Amino acid sequence: MILDIFALIVIALLLGFTIWLVVFLGNMPGNIARKRNHPQVQAITALSWIGLITMGLGWFIAVVWAYYKPAASDSELQQQVENLESQLRQLQAGGKS
């Protein structure tokens, strides 16, 4: 009787640990992306859960994707170019006077 109760307690602890581990691993790529201010956090989180559920390559891709930050978009680059051009004009105007 005591051995049966002990076995049930061990099984419950193992089940609880397994559930915690699955949740931890499923959230890990999304948390990494959130901490690194990645613009595609939701997509990374979705891919990590799909990859973890299917036990496939998706989870590993999500981890790599969380660490990879894409380059700036065209609008951000255009804004940076405009800022640099205005600074250049100010410097040239200041140098002529």
PDB file of N, CA and C in Angstrom:
ATOM      1  N   MET A   1       0.814  -1.199   0.000  1.00  0.00           N
ATOM      2  CA  MET A   1       0.000   0.000   0.000  1.00  0.00           C
ATOM      3  C   MET A   1       0.862   1.271   0.000  1.00  0.00           C
ATOM      4  N   ILE A   2       1.854   1.327   0.882  1.00  0.00           N
ATOM      5  CA  ILE A   2       2.718   2.504   0.960  1.00  0.00           C
ATOM      6  C   ILE A   2       3.538   2.630  -0.317  1.00  0.00           C
ATOM      7  N   LEU A   3       3.966   1.514  -0.867  1.00  0.00           N
ATOM      8  CA  LEU A   3       4.727   1.530  -2.105  1.00  0.00           C
ATOM      9  C   LEU A   3       3.880   2.036  -3.274  1.00  0.00           C
ATOM     10  N   ASP A   4       2.590   1.704  -3.275  1.00  0.00           N
ATOM     11  CA  ASP A   4       1.685   2.196  -4.322  1.00  0.00           C
ATOM     12  C   ASP A   4       1.525   3.710  -4.242  1.00  0.00           C
ATOM     13  N   ILE A   5       1.376   4.231  -3.051  1.00  0.00           N
ATOM     14  CA  ILE A   5       1.233   5.683  -2.863  1.00  0.00           C
ATOM     15  C   ILE A   5       2.525   6.387  -3.273  1.00  0.00           C
ATOM     16  N   PHE A   6       3.660   5.829  -2.891  1.00  0.00           N
ATOM     17  CA  PHE A   6       4.943   6.406  -3.283  1.00  0.00           C
ATOM     18  C   PHE A   6       5.099   6.424  -4.799  1.00  0.00           C
ATOM     19  N   ALA A   7       4.699   5.342  -5.461  1.00  0.00           N
ATOM     20  CA  ALA A   7       4.780   5.268  -6.924  1.00  0.00           C
ATOM     21  C   ALA A   7       3.880   6.322  -7.573  1.00  0.00           C
ATOM     22  N   LEU A   8       2.685   6.512  -7.024  1.00  0.00           N
ATOM     23  CA  LEU A   8       1.779   7.534  -7.564  1.00  0.00           C
ATOM     24  C   LEU A   8       2.355   8.941  -7.388  1.00  0.00           C
ATOM     25  N   ILE A   9       2.993   9.178  -6.254  1.00  0.00           N
ATOM     26  CA  ILE A   9       3.601  10.491  -6.012  1.00  0.00           C
ATOM     27  C   ILE A   9       4.749  10.721  -6.997  1.00  0.00           C
ATOM     28  N   VAL A  10       5.575   9.725  -7.234  1.00  0.00           N
ATOM     29  CA  VAL A  10       6.681   9.851  -8.179  1.00  0.00           C
ATOM     30  C   VAL A  10       6.152  10.090  -9.591  1.00  0.00           C
ATOM     31  N   ILE A  11       5.123   9.366  -9.996  1.00  0.00           N
ATOM     32  CA  ILE A  11       4.531   9.554 -11.326  1.00  0.00           C
ATOM     33  C   ILE A  11       3.950  10.957 -11.457  1.00  0.00           C
ATOM     34  N   ALA A  12       3.275  11.447 -10.419  1.00  0.00           N
ATOM     35  CA  ALA A  12       2.707  12.795 -10.461  1.00  0.00           C
ATOM     36  C   ALA A  12       3.806  13.845 -10.579  1.00  0.00           C
ATOM     37  N   LEU A  13       4.898  13.662  -9.832  1.00  0.00           N
ATOM     38  CA  LEU A  13       6.014  14.610  -9.916  1.00  0.00           C
ATOM     39  C   LEU A  13       6.655  14.589 -11.298  1.00  0.00           C
ATOM     40  N   LEU A  14       6.835  13.407 -11.864  1.00  0.00           N
ATOM     41  CA  LEU A  14       7.406  13.308 -13.203  1.00  0.00           C
ATOM     42  C   LEU A  14       6.485  13.932 -14.252  1.00  0.00           C
ATOM     43  N   LEU A  15       5.191  13.721 -14.108  1.00  0.00           N
ATOM     44  CA  LEU A  15       4.229  14.327 -15.025  1.00  0.00           C
ATOM     45  C   LEU A  15       4.251  15.853 -14.912  1.00  0.00           C
ATOM     46  N   GLY A  16       4.305  16.362 -13.689  1.00  0.00           N
ATOM     47  CA  GLY A  16       4.372  17.806 -13.480  1.00  0.00           C
ATOM     48  C   GLY A  16       5.636  18.409 -14.058  1.00  0.00           C
ATOM     49  N   PHE A  17       6.758  17.731 -13.857  1.00  0.00           N
ATOM     50  CA  PHE A  17       8.027  18.212 -14.403  1.00  0.00           C
ATOM     51  C   PHE A  17       7.994  18.199 -15.924  1.00  0.00           C
ATOM     52  N   THR A  18       7.417  17.165 -16.515  1.00  0.00           N
ATOM     53  CA  THR A  18       7.333  17.075 -17.974  1.00  0.00           C
ATOM     54  C   THR A  18       6.483  18.207 -18.541  1.00  0.00           C
ATOM     55  N   ILE A  19       5.365  18.499 -17.901  1.00  0.00           N
ATOM     56  CA  ILE A  19       4.507  19.602 -18.357  1.00  0.00           C
ATOM     57  C   ILE A  19       5.255  20.926 -18.243  1.00  0.00           C
ATOM     58  N   TRP A  20       5.947  21.143 -17.125  1.00  0.00           N
ATOM     59  CA  TRP A  20       6.711  22.376 -16.944  1.00  0.00           C
ATOM     60  C   TRP A  20       7.787  22.494 -18.015  1.00  0.00           C
ATOM     61  N   LEU A  21       8.482  21.405 -18.326  1.00  0.00           N
ATOM     62  CA  LEU A  21       9.547  21.425 -19.324  1.00  0.00           C
ATOM     63  C   LEU A  21       9.000  21.755 -20.715  1.00  0.00           C
ATOM     64  N   VAL A  22       7.860  21.187 -21.072  1.00  0.00           N
ATOM     65  CA  VAL A  22       7.260  21.468 -22.377  1.00  0.00           C
ATOM     66  C   VAL A  22       6.866  22.939 -22.473  1.00  0.00           C
ATOM     67  N   VAL A  23       6.262  23.480 -21.436  1.00  0.00           N
ATOM     68  CA  VAL A  23       5.871  24.893 -21.449  1.00  0.00           C
ATOM     69  C   VAL A  23       7.105  25.799 -21.501  1.00  0.00           C
ATOM     70  N   PHE A  24       8.128  25.452 -20.738  1.00  0.00           N
ATOM     71  CA  PHE A  24       9.362  26.242 -20.739  1.00  0.00           C
ATOM     72  C   PHE A  24      10.002  26.258 -22.121  1.00  0.00           C
ATOM     73  N   LEU A  25      10.128  25.086 -22.732  1.00  0.00           N
ATOM     74  CA  LEU A  25      10.743  25.010 -24.062  1.00  0.00           C
ATOM     75  C   LEU A  25       9.880  25.668 -25.125  1.00  0.00           C
ATOM     76  N   GLY A  26       8.569  25.571 -25.002  1.00  0.00           N
ATOM     77  CA  GLY A  26       7.683  26.195 -25.975  1.00  0.00           C
ATOM     78  C   GLY A  26       7.742  27.714 -25.933  1.00  0.00           C
ATOM     79  N   ASN A  27       7.946  28.270 -24.755  1.00  0.00           N
ATOM     80  CA  ASN A  27       8.003  29.728 -24.605  1.00  0.00           C
ATOM     81  C   ASN A  27       9.398  30.303 -24.813  1.00  0.00           C
ATOM     82  N   MET A  28      10.422  29.477 -24.784  1.00  0.00           N
ATOM     83  CA  MET A  28      11.793  29.980 -24.806  1.00  0.00           C
ATOM     84  C   MET A  28      12.127  30.840 -26.037  1.00  0.00           C
ATOM     85  N   PRO A  29      11.879  30.405 -27.277  1.00  0.00           N
ATOM     86  CA  PRO A  29      12.217  31.271 -28.414  1.00  0.00           C
ATOM     87  C   PRO A  29      11.447  32.592 -28.413  1.00  0.00           C
ATOM     88  N   GLY A  30      10.176  32.559 -28.014  1.00  0.00           N
ATOM     89  CA  GLY A  30       9.400  33.795 -27.939  1.00  0.00           C
ATOM     90  C   GLY A  30       9.944  34.752 -26.894  1.00  0.00           C
ATOM     91  N   ASN A  31      10.364  34.217 -25.751  1.00  0.00           N
ATOM     92  CA  ASN A  31      10.952  35.065 -24.708  1.00  0.00           C
ATOM     93  C   ASN A  31      12.273  35.670 -25.159  1.00  0.00           C
ATOM     94  N   ILE A  32      13.077  34.882 -25.855  1.00  0.00           N
ATOM     95  CA  ILE A  32      14.348  35.404 -26.372  1.00  0.00           C
ATOM     96  C   ILE A  32      14.078  36.547 -27.348  1.00  0.00           C
ATOM     97  N   ALA A  33      13.121  36.330 -28.252  1.00  0.00           N
ATOM     98  CA  ALA A  33      12.791  37.361 -29.244  1.00  0.00           C
ATOM     99  C   ALA A  33      12.251  38.619 -28.563  1.00  0.00           C
ATOM    100  N   ARG A  34      11.437  38.449 -27.515  1.00  0.00           N
ATOM    101  CA  ARG A  34      10.884  39.601 -26.793  1.00  0.00           C
ATOM    102  C   ARG A  34      11.994  40.403 -26.120  1.00  0.00           C
ATOM    103  N   LYS A  35      12.939  39.719 -25.512  1.00  0.00           N
ATOM    104  CA  LYS A  35      14.047  40.409 -24.829  1.00  0.00           C
ATOM    105  C   LYS A  35      14.937  41.152 -25.816  1.00  0.00           C
ATOM    106  N   ARG A  36      15.058  40.631 -27.038  1.00  0.00           N
ATOM    107  CA  ARG A  36      15.907  41.262 -28.050  1.00  0.00           C
ATOM    108  C   ARG A  36      15.132  42.247 -28.920  1.00  0.00           C
ATOM    109  N   ASN A  37      13.877  42.546 -28.562  1.00  0.00           N
ATOM    110  CA  ASN A  37      13.012  43.485 -29.300  1.00  0.00           C
ATOM    111  C   ASN A  37      12.910  43.117 -30.777  1.00  0.00           C
ATOM    112  N   HIS A  38      12.678  41.856 -31.031  1.00  0.00           N
ATOM    113  CA  HIS A  38      12.535  41.363 -32.409  1.00  0.00           C
ATOM    114  C   HIS A  38      11.166  41.795 -32.943  1.00  0.00           C
ATOM    115  N   PRO A  39      11.082  42.253 -34.195  1.00  0.00           N
ATOM    116  CA  PRO A  39       9.789  42.728 -34.711  1.00  0.00           C
ATOM    117  C   PRO A  39       8.801  41.606 -35.030  1.00  0.00           C
ATOM    118  N   GLN A  40       9.225  40.355 -35.017  1.00  0.00           N
ATOM    119  CA  GLN A  40       8.347  39.246 -35.398  1.00  0.00           C
ATOM    120  C   GLN A  40       8.182  38.255 -34.248  1.00  0.00           C
ATOM    121  N   VAL A  41       7.882  38.762 -33.065  1.00  0.00           N
ATOM    122  CA  VAL A  41       7.789  37.926 -31.867  1.00  0.00           C
ATOM    123  C   VAL A  41       6.660  36.900 -31.993  1.00  0.00           C
ATOM    124  N   GLN A  42       5.486  37.324 -32.478  1.00  0.00           N
ATOM    125  CA  GLN A  42       4.355  36.405 -32.557  1.00  0.00           C
ATOM    126  C   GLN A  42       4.638  35.245 -33.502  1.00  0.00           C
ATOM    127  N   ALA A  43       5.275  35.514 -34.623  1.00  0.00           N
ATOM    128  CA  ALA A  43       5.585  34.454 -35.579  1.00  0.00           C
ATOM    129  C   ALA A  43       6.601  33.473 -34.998  1.00  0.00           C
ATOM    130  N   ILE A  44       7.575  33.986 -34.282  1.00  0.00           N
ATOM    131  CA  ILE A  44       8.576  33.119 -33.668  1.00  0.00           C
ATOM    132  C   ILE A  44       7.933  32.241 -32.599  1.00  0.00           C
ATOM    133  N   THR A  45       7.050  32.828 -31.792  1.00  0.00           N
ATOM    134  CA  THR A  45       6.372  32.061 -30.759  1.00  0.00           C
ATOM    135  C   THR A  45       5.500  30.972 -31.367  1.00  0.00           C
ATOM    136  N   ALA A  46       4.764  31.319 -32.421  1.00  0.00           N
ATOM    137  CA  ALA A  46       3.916  30.320 -33.077  1.00  0.00           C
ATOM    138  C   ALA A  46       4.750  29.186 -33.663  1.00  0.00           C
ATOM    139  N   LEU A  47       5.847  29.524 -34.318  1.00  0.00           N
ATOM    140  CA  LEU A  47       6.698  28.492 -34.901  1.00  0.00           C
ATOM    141  C   LEU A  47       7.311  27.603 -33.827  1.00  0.00           C
ATOM    142  N   SER A  48       7.669  28.184 -32.697  1.00  0.00           N
ATOM    143  CA  SER A  48       8.271  27.364 -31.641  1.00  0.00           C
ATOM    144  C   SER A  48       7.261  26.362 -31.092  1.00  0.00           C
ATOM    145  N   TRP A  49       6.006  26.790 -30.892  1.00  0.00           N
ATOM    146  CA  TRP A  49       4.998  25.859 -30.386  1.00  0.00           C
ATOM    147  C   TRP A  49       4.661  24.792 -31.420  1.00  0.00           C
ATOM    148  N   ILE A  50       4.528  25.188 -32.684  1.00  0.00           N
ATOM    149  CA  ILE A  50       4.243  24.203 -33.736  1.00  0.00           C
ATOM    150  C   ILE A  50       5.402  23.226 -33.862  1.00  0.00           C
ATOM    151  N   GLY A  51       6.611  23.730 -33.837  1.00  0.00           N
ATOM    152  CA  GLY A  51       7.778  22.866 -33.925  1.00  0.00           C
ATOM    153  C   GLY A  51       7.916  21.947 -32.734  1.00  0.00           C
ATOM    154  N   LEU A  52       7.556  22.439 -31.547  1.00  0.00           N
ATOM    155  CA  LEU A  52       7.654  21.604 -30.350  1.00  0.00           C
ATOM    156  C   LEU A  52       6.574  20.526 -30.356  1.00  0.00           C
ATOM    157  N   ILE A  53       5.379  20.890 -30.770  1.00  0.00           N
ATOM    158  CA  ILE A  53       4.280  19.918 -30.799  1.00  0.00           C
ATOM    159  C   ILE A  53       4.550  18.814 -31.814  1.00  0.00           C
ATOM    160  N   THR A  54       5.087  19.193 -32.970  1.00  0.00           N
ATOM    161  CA  THR A  54       5.355  18.194 -33.999  1.00  0.00           C
ATOM    162  C   THR A  54       6.720  17.530 -33.829  1.00  0.00           C
ATOM    163  N   MET A  55       7.464  17.955 -32.818  1.00  0.00           N
ATOM    164  CA  MET A  55       8.800  17.437 -32.530  1.00  0.00           C
ATOM    165  C   MET A  55       9.697  17.490 -33.763  1.00  0.00           C
ATOM    166  N   GLY A  56       9.597  18.587 -34.460  1.00  0.00           N
ATOM    167  CA  GLY A  56      10.349  18.738 -35.690  1.00  0.00           C
ATOM    168  C   GLY A  56      11.406  19.808 -35.599  1.00  0.00           C
ATOM    169  N   LEU A  57      11.817  20.243 -36.742  1.00  0.00           N
ATOM    170  CA  LEU A  57      12.895  21.205 -36.875  1.00  0.00           C
ATOM    171  C   LEU A  57      12.421  22.630 -36.568  1.00  0.00           C
ATOM    172  N   GLY A  58      11.121  22.835 -36.538  1.00  0.00           N
ATOM    173  CA  GLY A  58      10.573  24.178 -36.345  1.00  0.00           C
ATOM    174  C   GLY A  58      11.036  24.858 -35.080  1.00  0.00           C
ATOM    175  N   TRP A  59      11.168  24.111 -33.980  1.00  0.00           N
ATOM    176  CA  TRP A  59      11.584  24.717 -32.725  1.00  0.00           C
ATOM    177  C   TRP A  59      13.007  25.249 -32.833  1.00  0.00           C
ATOM    178  N   PHE A  60      13.894  24.488 -33.458  1.00  0.00           N
ATOM    179  CA  PHE A  60      15.277  24.928 -33.612  1.00  0.00           C
ATOM    180  C   PHE A  60      15.360  26.149 -34.541  1.00  0.00           C
ATOM    181  N   ILE A  61      14.550  26.151 -35.578  1.00  0.00           N
ATOM    182  CA  ILE A  61      14.510  27.309 -36.475  1.00  0.00           C
ATOM    183  C   ILE A  61      14.018  28.535 -35.725  1.00  0.00           C
ATOM    184  N   ALA A  62      13.029  28.355 -34.847  1.00  0.00           N
ATOM    185  CA  ALA A  62      12.507  29.477 -34.061  1.00  0.00           C
ATOM    186  C   ALA A  62      13.574  30.049 -33.134  1.00  0.00           C
ATOM    187  N   VAL A  63      14.408  29.203 -32.558  1.00  0.00           N
ATOM    188  CA  VAL A  63      15.484  29.687 -31.679  1.00  0.00           C
ATOM    189  C   VAL A  63      16.489  30.510 -32.484  1.00  0.00           C
ATOM    190  N   VAL A  64      16.876  29.999 -33.647  1.00  0.00           N
ATOM    191  CA  VAL A  64      17.827  30.735 -34.485  1.00  0.00           C
ATOM    192  C   VAL A  64      17.202  32.042 -34.951  1.00  0.00           C
ATOM    193  N   TRP A  65      15.937  32.006 -35.348  1.00  0.00           N
ATOM    194  CA  TRP A  65      15.229  33.191 -35.813  1.00  0.00           C
ATOM    195  C   TRP A  65      15.120  34.235 -34.704  1.00  0.00           C
ATOM    196  N   ALA A  66      14.970  33.797 -33.460  1.00  0.00           N
ATOM    197  CA  ALA A  66      14.871  34.726 -32.337  1.00  0.00           C
ATOM    198  C   ALA A  66      16.170  35.510 -32.155  1.00  0.00           C
ATOM    199  N   TYR A  67      17.290  34.883 -32.454  1.00  0.00           N
ATOM    200  CA  TYR A  67      18.575  35.574 -32.322  1.00  0.00           C
ATOM    201  C   TYR A  67      18.925  36.410 -33.547  1.00  0.00           C
ATOM    202  N   TYR A  68      18.291  36.109 -34.670  1.00  0.00           N
ATOM    203  CA  TYR A  68      18.577  36.844 -35.913  1.00  0.00           C
ATOM    204  C   TYR A  68      17.628  38.024 -36.028  1.00  0.00           C
ATOM    205  N   LYS A  69      18.178  39.230 -36.035  1.00  0.00           N
ATOM    206  CA  LYS A  69      17.349  40.419 -36.174  1.00  0.00           C
ATOM    207  C   LYS A  69      17.454  40.913 -37.609  1.00  0.00           C
ATOM    208  N   PRO A  70      16.326  41.052 -38.301  1.00  0.00           N
ATOM    209  CA  PRO A  70      16.385  41.467 -39.708  1.00  0.00           C
ATOM    210  C   PRO A  70      16.902  42.895 -39.846  1.00  0.00           C
ATOM    211  N   ALA A  71      17.400  43.176 -41.032  1.00  0.00           N
ATOM    212  CA  ALA A  71      17.898  44.523 -41.321  1.00  0.00           C
ATOM    213  C   ALA A  71      16.734  45.508 -41.292  1.00  0.00           C
ATOM    214  N   ALA A  72      17.058  46.761 -41.270  1.00  0.00           N
ATOM    215  CA  ALA A  72      16.032  47.796 -41.231  1.00  0.00           C
ATOM    216  C   ALA A  72      15.192  47.756 -42.501  1.00  0.00           C
ATOM    217  N   SER A  73      13.947  48.162 -42.372  1.00  0.00           N
ATOM    218  CA  SER A  73      13.062  48.175 -43.533  1.00  0.00           C
ATOM    219  C   SER A  73      13.422  49.343 -44.451  1.00  0.00           C
ATOM    220  N   ASP A  74      12.845  49.333 -45.646  1.00  0.00           N
ATOM    221  CA  ASP A  74      13.134  50.389 -46.628  1.00  0.00           C
ATOM    222  C   ASP A  74      12.746  51.769 -46.107  1.00  0.00           C
ATOM    223  N   SER A  75      11.612  51.853 -45.407  1.00  0.00           N
ATOM    224  CA  SER A  75      11.180  53.156 -44.899  1.00  0.00           C
ATOM    225  C   SER A  75      12.148  53.666 -43.826  1.00  0.00           C
ATOM    226  N   GLU A  76      12.660  52.758 -42.980  1.00  0.00           N
ATOM    227  CA  GLU A  76      13.625  53.182 -41.963  1.00  0.00           C
ATOM    228  C   GLU A  76      14.926  53.643 -42.617  1.00  0.00           C
ATOM    229  N   LEU A  77      15.363  52.912 -43.632  1.00  0.00           N
ATOM    230  CA  LEU A  77      16.588  53.310 -44.334  1.00  0.00           C
ATOM    231  C   LEU A  77      16.403  54.648 -45.035  1.00  0.00           C
ATOM    232  N   GLN A  78      15.243  54.855 -45.655  1.00  0.00           N
ATOM    233  CA  GLN A  78      14.962  56.128 -46.326  1.00  0.00           C
ATOM    234  C   GLN A  78      14.971  57.276 -45.319  1.00  0.00           C
ATOM    235  N   GLN A  79      14.403  57.045 -44.127  1.00  0.00           N
ATOM    236  CA  GLN A  79      14.398  58.069 -43.088  1.00  0.00           C
ATOM    237  C   GLN A  79      15.818  58.392 -42.634  1.00  0.00           C
ATOM    238  N   GLN A  80      16.662  57.379 -42.495  1.00  0.00           N
ATOM    239  CA  GLN A  80      18.043  57.609 -42.094  1.00  0.00           C
ATOM    240  C   GLN A  80      18.803  58.393 -43.158  1.00  0.00           C
ATOM    241  N   VAL A  81      18.562  58.090 -44.433  1.00  0.00           N
ATOM    242  CA  VAL A  81      19.212  58.816 -45.529  1.00  0.00           C
ATOM    243  C   VAL A  81      18.788  60.281 -45.505  1.00  0.00           C
ATOM    244  N   GLU A  82      17.482  60.528 -45.305  1.00  0.00           N
ATOM    245  CA  GLU A  82      17.003  61.910 -45.254  1.00  0.00           C
ATOM    246  C   GLU A  82      17.623  62.663 -44.089  1.00  0.00           C
ATOM    247  N   ASN A  83      17.739  62.020 -42.945  1.00  0.00           N
ATOM    248  CA  ASN A  83      18.367  62.669 -41.783  1.00  0.00           C
ATOM    249  C   ASN A  83      19.832  63.004 -42.067  1.00  0.00           C
ATOM    250  N   LEU A  84      20.549  62.078 -42.676  1.00  0.00           N
ATOM    251  CA  LEU A  84      21.950  62.332 -42.991  1.00  0.00           C
ATOM    252  C   LEU A  84      22.101  63.443 -44.030  1.00  0.00           C
ATOM    253  N   GLU A  85      21.201  63.478 -45.025  1.00  0.00           N
ATOM    254  CA  GLU A  85      21.253  64.547 -46.027  1.00  0.00           C
ATOM    255  C   GLU A  85      20.979  65.904 -45.396  1.00  0.00           C
ATOM    256  N   SER A  86      20.022  65.970 -44.469  1.00  0.00           N
ATOM    257  CA  SER A  86      19.741  67.261 -43.827  1.00  0.00           C
ATOM    258  C   SER A  86      20.919  67.695 -42.950  1.00  0.00           C
ATOM    259  N   GLN A  87      21.558  66.744 -42.266  1.00  0.00           N
ATOM    260  CA  GLN A  87      22.739  67.087 -41.474  1.00  0.00           C
ATOM    261  C   GLN A  87      23.873  67.571 -42.373  1.00  0.00           C
ATOM    262  N   LEU A  88      24.037  66.948 -43.536  1.00  0.00           N
ATOM    263  CA  LEU A  88      25.066  67.358 -44.478  1.00  0.00           C
ATOM    264  C   LEU A  88      24.796  68.769 -44.987  1.00  0.00           C
ATOM    265  N   ARG A  89      23.535  69.072 -45.300  1.00  0.00           N
ATOM    266  CA  ARG A  89      23.182  70.424 -45.753  1.00  0.00           C
ATOM    267  C   ARG A  89      23.475  71.457 -44.665  1.00  0.00           C
ATOM    268  N   GLN A  90      23.172  71.110 -43.408  1.00  0.00           N
ATOM    269  CA  GLN A  90      23.451  72.030 -42.323  1.00  0.00           C
ATOM    270  C   GLN A  90      24.953  72.258 -42.171  1.00  0.00           C
ATOM    271  N   LEU A  91      25.734  71.204 -42.289  1.00  0.00           N
ATOM    272  CA  LEU A  91      27.180  71.354 -42.186  1.00  0.00           C
ATOM    273  C   LEU A  91      27.747  72.183 -43.332  1.00  0.00           C
ATOM    274  N   GLN A  92      27.220  71.966 -44.551  1.00  0.00           N
ATOM    275  CA  GLN A  92      27.689  72.729 -45.688  1.00  0.00           C
ATOM    276  C   GLN A  92      27.284  74.186 -45.566  1.00  0.00           C
ATOM    277  N   ALA A  93      26.090  74.446 -45.083  1.00  0.00           N
ATOM    278  CA  ALA A  93      25.637  75.828 -44.907  1.00  0.00           C
ATOM    279  C   ALA A  93      26.458  76.523 -43.820  1.00  0.00           C
ATOM    280  N   GLY A  94      26.804  75.783 -42.779  1.00  0.00           N
ATOM    281  CA  GLY A  94      27.612  76.360 -41.705  1.00  0.00           C
ATOM    282  C   GLY A  94      29.042  76.614 -42.142  1.00  0.00           C
ATOM    283  N   GLY A  95      29.571  75.798 -43.028  1.00  0.00           N
ATOM    284  CA  GLY A  95      30.939  75.948 -43.501  1.00  0.00           C
ATOM    285  C   GLY A  95      31.102  77.100 -44.467  1.00  0.00           C
ATOM    286  N   LYS A  96      30.039  77.496 -45.183  1.00  0.00           N
ATOM    287  CA  LYS A  96      30.130  78.569 -46.158  1.00  0.00           C
ATOM    288  C   LYS A  96      30.080  79.945 -45.527  1.00  0.00           C
ATOM    289  N   SER A  97      29.541  80.074 -44.345  1.00  0.00           N
ATOM    290  CA  SER A  97      29.406  81.410 -43.748  1.00  0.00           C
ATOM    291  C   SER A  97      30.608  81.892 -43.042  1.00  0.00           C
TER     292      SER A  97
END
